[in-house]
Amino acid sequence: MAAEDFETILKAGAADFATQLTPRPAPAVRARGEQLLRRRRTATTALAVALMAAVAGGAFAATGLSRHSTSPAAIATQRTASASSASSASCRSLVVPQAVKDAVTEAYRQSQTGLVHIAPVKGTFYYGTCDGTTYAATRFTPTSGATLGEQVQLQDEGSAAKYFTKPPNGTWTYVATDGFPRSPRGCAAIPQIPAPLAALWADCG
């Protein structure tokens, strides 16, 4: 290689190196920094979105639920609440008039041979309605004039509540009695008494 060619190459290389070492203008440096910062923010945001999607996807896959679905527990709670509201709406606990007490007492008299002098025990009378049918529950005690036979008969069943029903436009009928010993569930254990009404009666406790 000729000396002049080597010298030309050396000068060109020195000029290029000097260009690279020359400080860039401040606006150019600032613009380059802002460009790099935007790239970093974009990459960070994309990474965060991807991570959230992965975590959410795993959770939905594990539970078998879509993003807009309701959990089974929530569905069960909603159904129970709806059923409870409907039941409460169809059943009501009522203040019992004396005429109802008299009619229920007479229905029990007619179902039991030899019982005449009887009356409901105070504070034990439950009265209500469900879907047009009325229900009653009470215990009975002997009244003045009760014979020895009546007293013995009531003593044997005195602790047991009696249950009655009356269909629309019908008459009172004795349908059930507490078991012995009485179930801890009270009248909730009596199939003839609707469960929502038993709940309103606090299980006849």
C-alpha atoms as a PDB file:
ATOM      1  CA  MET A   1       0.000   0.000   0.000  1.00  0.00           C
ATOM      2  CA  ALA A   2       1.307   3.475  -0.862  1.00  0.00           C
ATOM      3  CA  ALA A   3       2.194   5.868   1.917  1.00  0.00           C
ATOM      4  CA  GLU A   4      -0.263   8.468   0.664  1.00  0.00           C
ATOM      5  CA  ASP A   5      -3.146   5.918   0.731  1.00  0.00           C
ATOM      6  CA  PHE A   6      -2.353   4.947   4.331  1.00  0.00           C
ATOM      7  CA  GLU A   7      -2.217   8.570   5.300  1.00  0.00           C
ATOM      8  CA  THR A   8      -5.589   9.238   3.683  1.00  0.00           C
ATOM      9  CA  ILE A   9      -7.202   6.320   5.547  1.00  0.00           C
ATOM     10  CA  LEU A  10      -5.646   7.439   8.824  1.00  0.00           C
ATOM     11  CA  LYS A  11      -6.995  10.965   8.430  1.00  0.00           C
ATOM     12  CA  ALA A  12     -10.478   9.710   7.583  1.00  0.00           C
ATOM     13  CA  GLY A  13     -10.500   7.458  10.642  1.00  0.00           C
ATOM     14  CA  ALA A  14      -9.347  10.249  12.899  1.00  0.00           C
ATOM     15  CA  ALA A  15     -12.040  12.555  11.577  1.00  0.00           C
ATOM     16  CA  ASP A  16     -14.771   9.941  12.193  1.00  0.00           C
ATOM     17  CA  PHE A  17     -13.495   9.281  15.714  1.00  0.00           C
ATOM     18  CA  ALA A  18     -13.461  12.990  16.436  1.00  0.00           C
ATOM     19  CA  THR A  19     -17.040  13.253  15.223  1.00  0.00           C
ATOM     20  CA  GLN A  20     -18.138  10.552  17.659  1.00  0.00           C
ATOM     21  CA  LEU A  21     -16.368  12.280  20.555  1.00  0.00           C
ATOM     22  CA  THR A  22     -17.850  15.677  19.799  1.00  0.00           C
ATOM     23  CA  PRO A  23     -20.597  16.505  22.394  1.00  0.00           C
ATOM     24  CA  ARG A  24     -24.115  16.524  20.951  1.00  0.00           C
ATOM     25  CA  PRO A  25     -26.256  19.639  21.238  1.00  0.00           C
ATOM     26  CA  ALA A  26     -28.463  19.746  24.382  1.00  0.00           C
ATOM     27  CA  PRO A  27     -31.801  19.623  22.465  1.00  0.00           C
ATOM     28  CA  ALA A  28     -30.667  16.481  20.678  1.00  0.00           C
ATOM     29  CA  VAL A  29     -29.611  14.838  23.933  1.00  0.00           C
ATOM     30  CA  ARG A  30     -32.941  15.805  25.570  1.00  0.00           C
ATOM     31  CA  ALA A  31     -34.971  14.475  22.670  1.00  0.00           C
ATOM     32  CA  ARG A  32     -33.042  11.204  22.751  1.00  0.00           C
ATOM     33  CA  GLY A  33     -33.633  10.869  26.527  1.00  0.00           C
ATOM     34  CA  GLU A  34     -37.366  11.499  26.185  1.00  0.00           C
ATOM     35  CA  GLN A  35     -37.567   8.919  23.428  1.00  0.00           C
ATOM     36  CA  LEU A  36     -35.857   6.288  25.606  1.00  0.00           C
ATOM     37  CA  LEU A  37     -38.132   7.172  28.582  1.00  0.00           C
ATOM     38  CA  ARG A  38     -41.276   6.718  26.460  1.00  0.00           C
ATOM     39  CA  ARG A  39     -40.032   3.348  25.291  1.00  0.00           C
ATOM     40  CA  ARG A  40     -39.385   2.281  28.886  1.00  0.00           C
ATOM     41  CA  ARG A  41     -42.848   3.387  30.055  1.00  0.00           C
ATOM     42  CA  THR A  42     -44.530   1.572  27.178  1.00  0.00           C
ATOM     43  CA  ALA A  43     -42.622  -1.632  27.936  1.00  0.00           C
ATOM     44  CA  THR A  44     -43.419  -1.398  31.658  1.00  0.00           C
ATOM     45  CA  THR A  45     -47.146  -0.872  30.996  1.00  0.00           C
ATOM     46  CA  ALA A  46     -47.282  -3.774  28.569  1.00  0.00           C
ATOM     47  CA  LEU A  47     -45.546  -6.033  31.074  1.00  0.00           C
ATOM     48  CA  ALA A  48     -47.987  -5.075  33.857  1.00  0.00           C
ATOM     49  CA  VAL A  49     -51.020  -5.707  31.639  1.00  0.00           C
ATOM     50  CA  ALA A  50     -49.671  -9.083  30.576  1.00  0.00           C
ATOM     51  CA  LEU A  51     -49.011 -10.051  34.204  1.00  0.00           C
ATOM     52  CA  MET A  52     -52.527  -9.068  35.326  1.00  0.00           C
ATOM     53  CA  ALA A  53     -54.089 -10.986  32.453  1.00  0.00           C
ATOM     54  CA  ALA A  54     -52.081 -14.075  33.311  1.00  0.00           C
ATOM     55  CA  VAL A  55     -53.056 -13.946  36.996  1.00  0.00           C
ATOM     56  CA  ALA A  56     -56.727 -13.280  36.240  1.00  0.00           C
ATOM     57  CA  GLY A  57     -56.810 -16.003  33.638  1.00  0.00           C
ATOM     58  CA  GLY A  58     -55.387 -18.485  36.129  1.00  0.00           C
ATOM     59  CA  ALA A  59     -57.967 -17.538  38.752  1.00  0.00           C
ATOM     60  CA  PHE A  60     -60.863 -17.872  36.327  1.00  0.00           C
ATOM     61  CA  ALA A  61     -59.498 -21.156  35.038  1.00  0.00           C
ATOM     62  CA  ALA A  62     -59.179 -22.516  38.576  1.00  0.00           C
ATOM     63  CA  THR A  63     -62.746 -21.582  39.574  1.00  0.00           C
ATOM     64  CA  GLY A  64     -64.346 -22.239  36.214  1.00  0.00           C
ATOM     65  CA  LEU A  65     -65.958 -18.799  36.210  1.00  0.00           C
ATOM     66  CA  SER A  66     -66.093 -16.119  33.553  1.00  0.00           C
ATOM     67  CA  ARG A  67     -65.369 -12.506  34.339  1.00  0.00           C
ATOM     68  CA  HIS A  68     -69.089 -11.754  34.386  1.00  0.00           C
ATOM     69  CA  SER A  69     -70.334 -14.856  36.208  1.00  0.00           C
ATOM     70  CA  THR A  70     -71.527 -15.029  39.837  1.00  0.00           C
ATOM     71  CA  SER A  71     -69.946 -17.392  42.337  1.00  0.00           C
ATOM     72  CA  PRO A  72     -71.941 -20.490  43.380  1.00  0.00           C
ATOM     73  CA  ALA A  73     -72.093 -19.243  46.969  1.00  0.00           C
ATOM     74  CA  ALA A  74     -73.563 -15.935  45.830  1.00  0.00           C
ATOM     75  CA  ILE A  75     -76.106 -17.726  43.621  1.00  0.00           C
ATOM     76  CA  ALA A  76     -77.131 -19.989  46.519  1.00  0.00           C
ATOM     77  CA  THR A  77     -77.490 -16.982  48.796  1.00  0.00           C
ATOM     78  CA  GLN A  78     -79.632 -15.157  46.237  1.00  0.00           C
ATOM     79  CA  ARG A  79     -81.857 -18.210  45.754  1.00  0.00           C
ATOM     80  CA  THR A  80     -82.238 -18.704  49.507  1.00  0.00           C
ATOM     81  CA  ALA A  81     -83.093 -15.046  49.997  1.00  0.00           C
ATOM     82  CA  SER A  82     -85.654 -15.189  47.157  1.00  0.00           C
ATOM     83  CA  ALA A  83     -87.224 -18.342  48.532  1.00  0.00           C
ATOM     84  CA  SER A  84     -87.317 -16.864  52.027  1.00  0.00           C
ATOM     85  CA  SER A  85     -88.963 -13.677  50.781  1.00  0.00           C
ATOM     86  CA  ALA A  86     -91.562 -15.649  48.840  1.00  0.00           C
ATOM     87  CA  SER A  87     -92.273 -17.885  51.832  1.00  0.00           C
ATOM     88  CA  SER A  88     -92.621 -14.951  54.207  1.00  0.00           C
ATOM     89  CA  ALA A  89     -94.929 -13.261  51.742  1.00  0.00           C
ATOM     90  CA  SER A  90     -97.206 -16.331  51.542  1.00  0.00           C
ATOM     91  CA  CYS A  91     -97.233 -17.027  55.325  1.00  0.00           C
ATOM     92  CA  ARG A  92     -98.268 -14.674  58.117  1.00  0.00           C
ATOM     93  CA  SER A  93     -98.476 -15.020  61.878  1.00  0.00           C
ATOM     94  CA  LEU A  94    -101.715 -13.481  63.129  1.00  0.00           C
ATOM     95  CA  VAL A  95    -103.169 -12.162  66.375  1.00  0.00           C
ATOM     96  CA  VAL A  96    -105.636 -14.835  67.481  1.00  0.00           C
ATOM     97  CA  PRO A  97    -109.216 -13.768  68.221  1.00  0.00           C
ATOM     98  CA  GLN A  98    -111.236 -15.486  70.929  1.00  0.00           C
ATOM     99  CA  ALA A  99    -113.560 -16.985  68.290  1.00  0.00           C
ATOM    100  CA  VAL A 100    -110.623 -18.890  66.803  1.00  0.00           C
ATOM    101  CA  LYS A 101    -109.563 -20.175  70.224  1.00  0.00           C
ATOM    102  CA  ASP A 102    -113.106 -21.380  70.839  1.00  0.00           C
ATOM    103  CA  ALA A 103    -113.361 -23.088  67.432  1.00  0.00           C
ATOM    104  CA  VAL A 104    -109.969 -24.831  67.845  1.00  0.00           C
ATOM    105  CA  THR A 105    -110.893 -25.983  71.355  1.00  0.00           C
ATOM    106  CA  GLU A 106    -114.163 -27.407  70.055  1.00  0.00           C
ATOM    107  CA  ALA A 107    -112.317 -29.232  67.258  1.00  0.00           C
ATOM    108  CA  TYR A 108    -110.075 -30.894  69.829  1.00  0.00           C
ATOM    109  CA  ARG A 109    -113.069 -31.807  72.036  1.00  0.00           C
ATOM    110  CA  GLN A 110    -114.695 -33.566  69.111  1.00  0.00           C
ATOM    111  CA  SER A 111    -111.523 -35.516  68.350  1.00  0.00           C
ATOM    112  CA  GLN A 112    -111.144 -36.796  71.938  1.00  0.00           C
ATOM    113  CA  THR A 113    -113.746 -38.915  73.682  1.00  0.00           C
ATOM    114  CA  GLY A 114    -114.673 -37.626  77.126  1.00  0.00           C
ATOM    115  CA  LEU A 115    -112.946 -34.234  76.972  1.00  0.00           C
ATOM    116  CA  VAL A 116    -115.324 -31.362  77.684  1.00  0.00           C
ATOM    117  CA  HIS A 117    -113.872 -29.095  80.347  1.00  0.00           C
ATOM    118  CA  ILE A 118    -110.736 -27.888  78.590  1.00  0.00           C
ATOM    119  CA  ALA A 119    -109.183 -24.592  77.496  1.00  0.00           C
ATOM    120  CA  PRO A 120    -105.970 -23.504  75.778  1.00  0.00           C
ATOM    121  CA  VAL A 121    -103.036 -22.896  78.105  1.00  0.00           C
ATOM    122  CA  LYS A 122    -102.390 -19.159  78.290  1.00  0.00           C
ATOM    123  CA  GLY A 123     -99.454 -17.967  76.232  1.00  0.00           C
ATOM    124  CA  THR A 124     -99.232 -21.121  74.116  1.00  0.00           C
ATOM    125  CA  PHE A 125    -101.628 -20.317  71.272  1.00  0.00           C
ATOM    126  CA  TYR A 126    -100.114 -19.827  67.792  1.00  0.00           C
ATOM    127  CA  TYR A 127    -102.217 -18.747  64.838  1.00  0.00           C
ATOM    128  CA  GLY A 128    -101.328 -17.978  61.216  1.00  0.00           C
ATOM    129  CA  THR A 129    -102.032 -18.502  57.555  1.00  0.00           C
ATOM    130  CA  CYS A 130    -100.213 -19.775  54.474  1.00  0.00           C
ATOM    131  CA  ASP A 131    -101.671 -19.585  50.957  1.00  0.00           C
ATOM    132  CA  GLY A 132    -105.249 -19.352  52.223  1.00  0.00           C
ATOM    133  CA  THR A 133    -105.045 -22.197  54.754  1.00  0.00           C
ATOM    134  CA  THR A 134    -105.037 -21.256  58.432  1.00  0.00           C
ATOM    135  CA  TYR A 135    -103.084 -23.068  61.136  1.00  0.00           C
ATOM    136  CA  ALA A 136    -103.137 -23.150  64.921  1.00  0.00           C
ATOM    137  CA  ALA A 137    -101.108 -24.728  67.697  1.00  0.00           C
ATOM    138  CA  THR A 138    -101.734 -24.834  71.435  1.00  0.00           C
ATOM    139  CA  ARG A 139    -101.694 -26.941  74.607  1.00  0.00           C
ATOM    140  CA  PHE A 140    -104.782 -27.594  76.687  1.00  0.00           C
ATOM    141  CA  THR A 141    -105.492 -27.592  80.414  1.00  0.00           C
ATOM    142  CA  PRO A 142    -108.542 -28.731  82.410  1.00  0.00           C
ATOM    143  CA  THR A 143    -111.031 -26.079  83.505  1.00  0.00           C
ATOM    144  CA  SER A 144    -113.449 -25.809  86.399  1.00  0.00           C
ATOM    145  CA  GLY A 145    -115.746 -28.801  86.513  1.00  0.00           C
ATOM    146  CA  ALA A 146    -113.302 -31.209  84.856  1.00  0.00           C
ATOM    147  CA  THR A 147    -113.829 -34.805  85.915  1.00  0.00           C
ATOM    148  CA  LEU A 148    -111.075 -37.020  87.267  1.00  0.00           C
ATOM    149  CA  GLY A 149    -110.995 -38.801  83.924  1.00  0.00           C
ATOM    150  CA  GLU A 150    -110.530 -35.512  82.061  1.00  0.00           C
ATOM    151  CA  GLN A 151    -107.763 -34.447  84.417  1.00  0.00           C
ATOM    152  CA  VAL A 152    -105.924 -37.735  83.986  1.00  0.00           C
ATOM    153  CA  GLN A 153    -106.344 -37.631  80.212  1.00  0.00           C
ATOM    154  CA  LEU A 154    -104.979 -34.095  79.994  1.00  0.00           C
ATOM    155  CA  GLN A 155    -102.197 -34.870  82.450  1.00  0.00           C
ATOM    156  CA  ASP A 156    -100.952 -37.607  80.125  1.00  0.00           C
ATOM    157  CA  GLU A 157    -100.841 -35.189  77.166  1.00  0.00           C
ATOM    158  CA  GLY A 158    -100.677 -31.863  78.950  1.00  0.00           C
ATOM    159  CA  SER A 159     -97.134 -31.073  77.819  1.00  0.00           C
ATOM    160  CA  ALA A 160     -97.814 -31.912  74.182  1.00  0.00           C
ATOM    161  CA  ALA A 161     -98.860 -29.161  71.785  1.00  0.00           C
ATOM    162  CA  LYS A 162    -101.745 -29.899  69.421  1.00  0.00           C
ATOM    163  CA  TYR A 163    -101.820 -28.743  65.814  1.00  0.00           C
ATOM    164  CA  PHE A 164    -104.829 -27.786  63.727  1.00  0.00           C
ATOM    165  CA  THR A 165    -105.555 -26.746  60.141  1.00  0.00           C
ATOM    166  CA  LYS A 166    -108.477 -25.039  58.457  1.00  0.00           C
ATOM    167  CA  PRO A 167    -108.707 -24.926  54.645  1.00  0.00           C
ATOM    168  CA  PRO A 168    -110.421 -22.021  52.894  1.00  0.00           C
ATOM    169  CA  ASN A 169    -114.165 -22.144  53.602  1.00  0.00           C
ATOM    170  CA  GLY A 170    -113.572 -25.260  55.744  1.00  0.00           C
ATOM    171  CA  THR A 171    -113.584 -26.131  59.450  1.00  0.00           C
ATOM    172  CA  TRP A 172    -110.847 -26.656  62.009  1.00  0.00           C
ATOM    173  CA  THR A 173    -109.345 -30.137  62.132  1.00  0.00           C
ATOM    174  CA  TYR A 174    -106.951 -31.636  64.662  1.00  0.00           C
ATOM    175  CA  VAL A 175    -104.040 -33.018  62.605  1.00  0.00           C
ATOM    176  CA  ALA A 176    -100.998 -33.669  64.815  1.00  0.00           C
ATOM    177  CA  THR A 177     -99.430 -33.573  68.250  1.00  0.00           C
ATOM    178  CA  ASP A 178     -95.925 -33.215  69.607  1.00  0.00           C
ATOM    179  CA  GLY A 179     -93.985 -36.411  70.070  1.00  0.00           C
ATOM    180  CA  PHE A 180     -92.781 -37.588  73.448  1.00  0.00           C
ATOM    181  CA  PRO A 181     -90.263 -36.377  74.239  1.00  0.00           C
ATOM    182  CA  ARG A 182     -90.875 -33.216  72.271  1.00  0.00           C
ATOM    183  CA  SER A 183     -88.518 -32.616  69.359  1.00  0.00           C
ATOM    184  CA  PRO A 184     -85.923 -29.888  70.000  1.00  0.00           C
ATOM    185  CA  ARG A 185     -87.092 -28.417  66.702  1.00  0.00           C
ATOM    186  CA  GLY A 186     -90.537 -27.742  68.120  1.00  0.00           C
ATOM    187  CA  CYS A 187     -93.286 -27.269  65.567  1.00  0.00           C
ATOM    188  CA  ALA A 188     -90.665 -27.147  62.805  1.00  0.00           C
ATOM    189  CA  ALA A 189     -90.652 -30.948  63.186  1.00  0.00           C
ATOM    190  CA  ILE A 190     -94.398 -31.174  62.472  1.00  0.00           C
ATOM    191  CA  PRO A 191     -94.928 -31.917  58.743  1.00  0.00           C
ATOM    192  CA  GLN A 192     -98.452 -30.469  58.780  1.00  0.00           C
ATOM    193  CA  ILE A 193     -97.115 -27.021  59.725  1.00  0.00           C
ATOM    194  CA  PRO A 194     -95.388 -25.159  56.840  1.00  0.00           C
ATOM    195  CA  ALA A 195     -91.747 -24.469  57.632  1.00  0.00           C
ATOM    196  CA  PRO A 196     -91.994 -20.698  56.941  1.00  0.00           C
ATOM    197  CA  LEU A 197     -94.892 -20.417  59.379  1.00  0.00           C
ATOM    198  CA  ALA A 198     -93.047 -22.461  62.025  1.00  0.00           C
ATOM    199  CA  ALA A 199     -90.157 -20.025  61.613  1.00  0.00           C
ATOM    200  CA  LEU A 200     -92.493 -17.065  62.142  1.00  0.00           C
ATOM    201  CA  TRP A 201     -93.732 -18.815  65.283  1.00  0.00           C
ATOM    202  CA  ALA A 202     -90.138 -19.253  66.487  1.00  0.00           C
ATOM    203  CA  ASP A 203     -90.717 -23.026  66.261  1.00  0.00           C
ATOM    204  CA  CYS A 204     -93.472 -22.704  68.897  1.00  0.00           C
ATOM    205  CA  GLY A 205     -90.796 -22.493  71.546  1.00  0.00           C
END
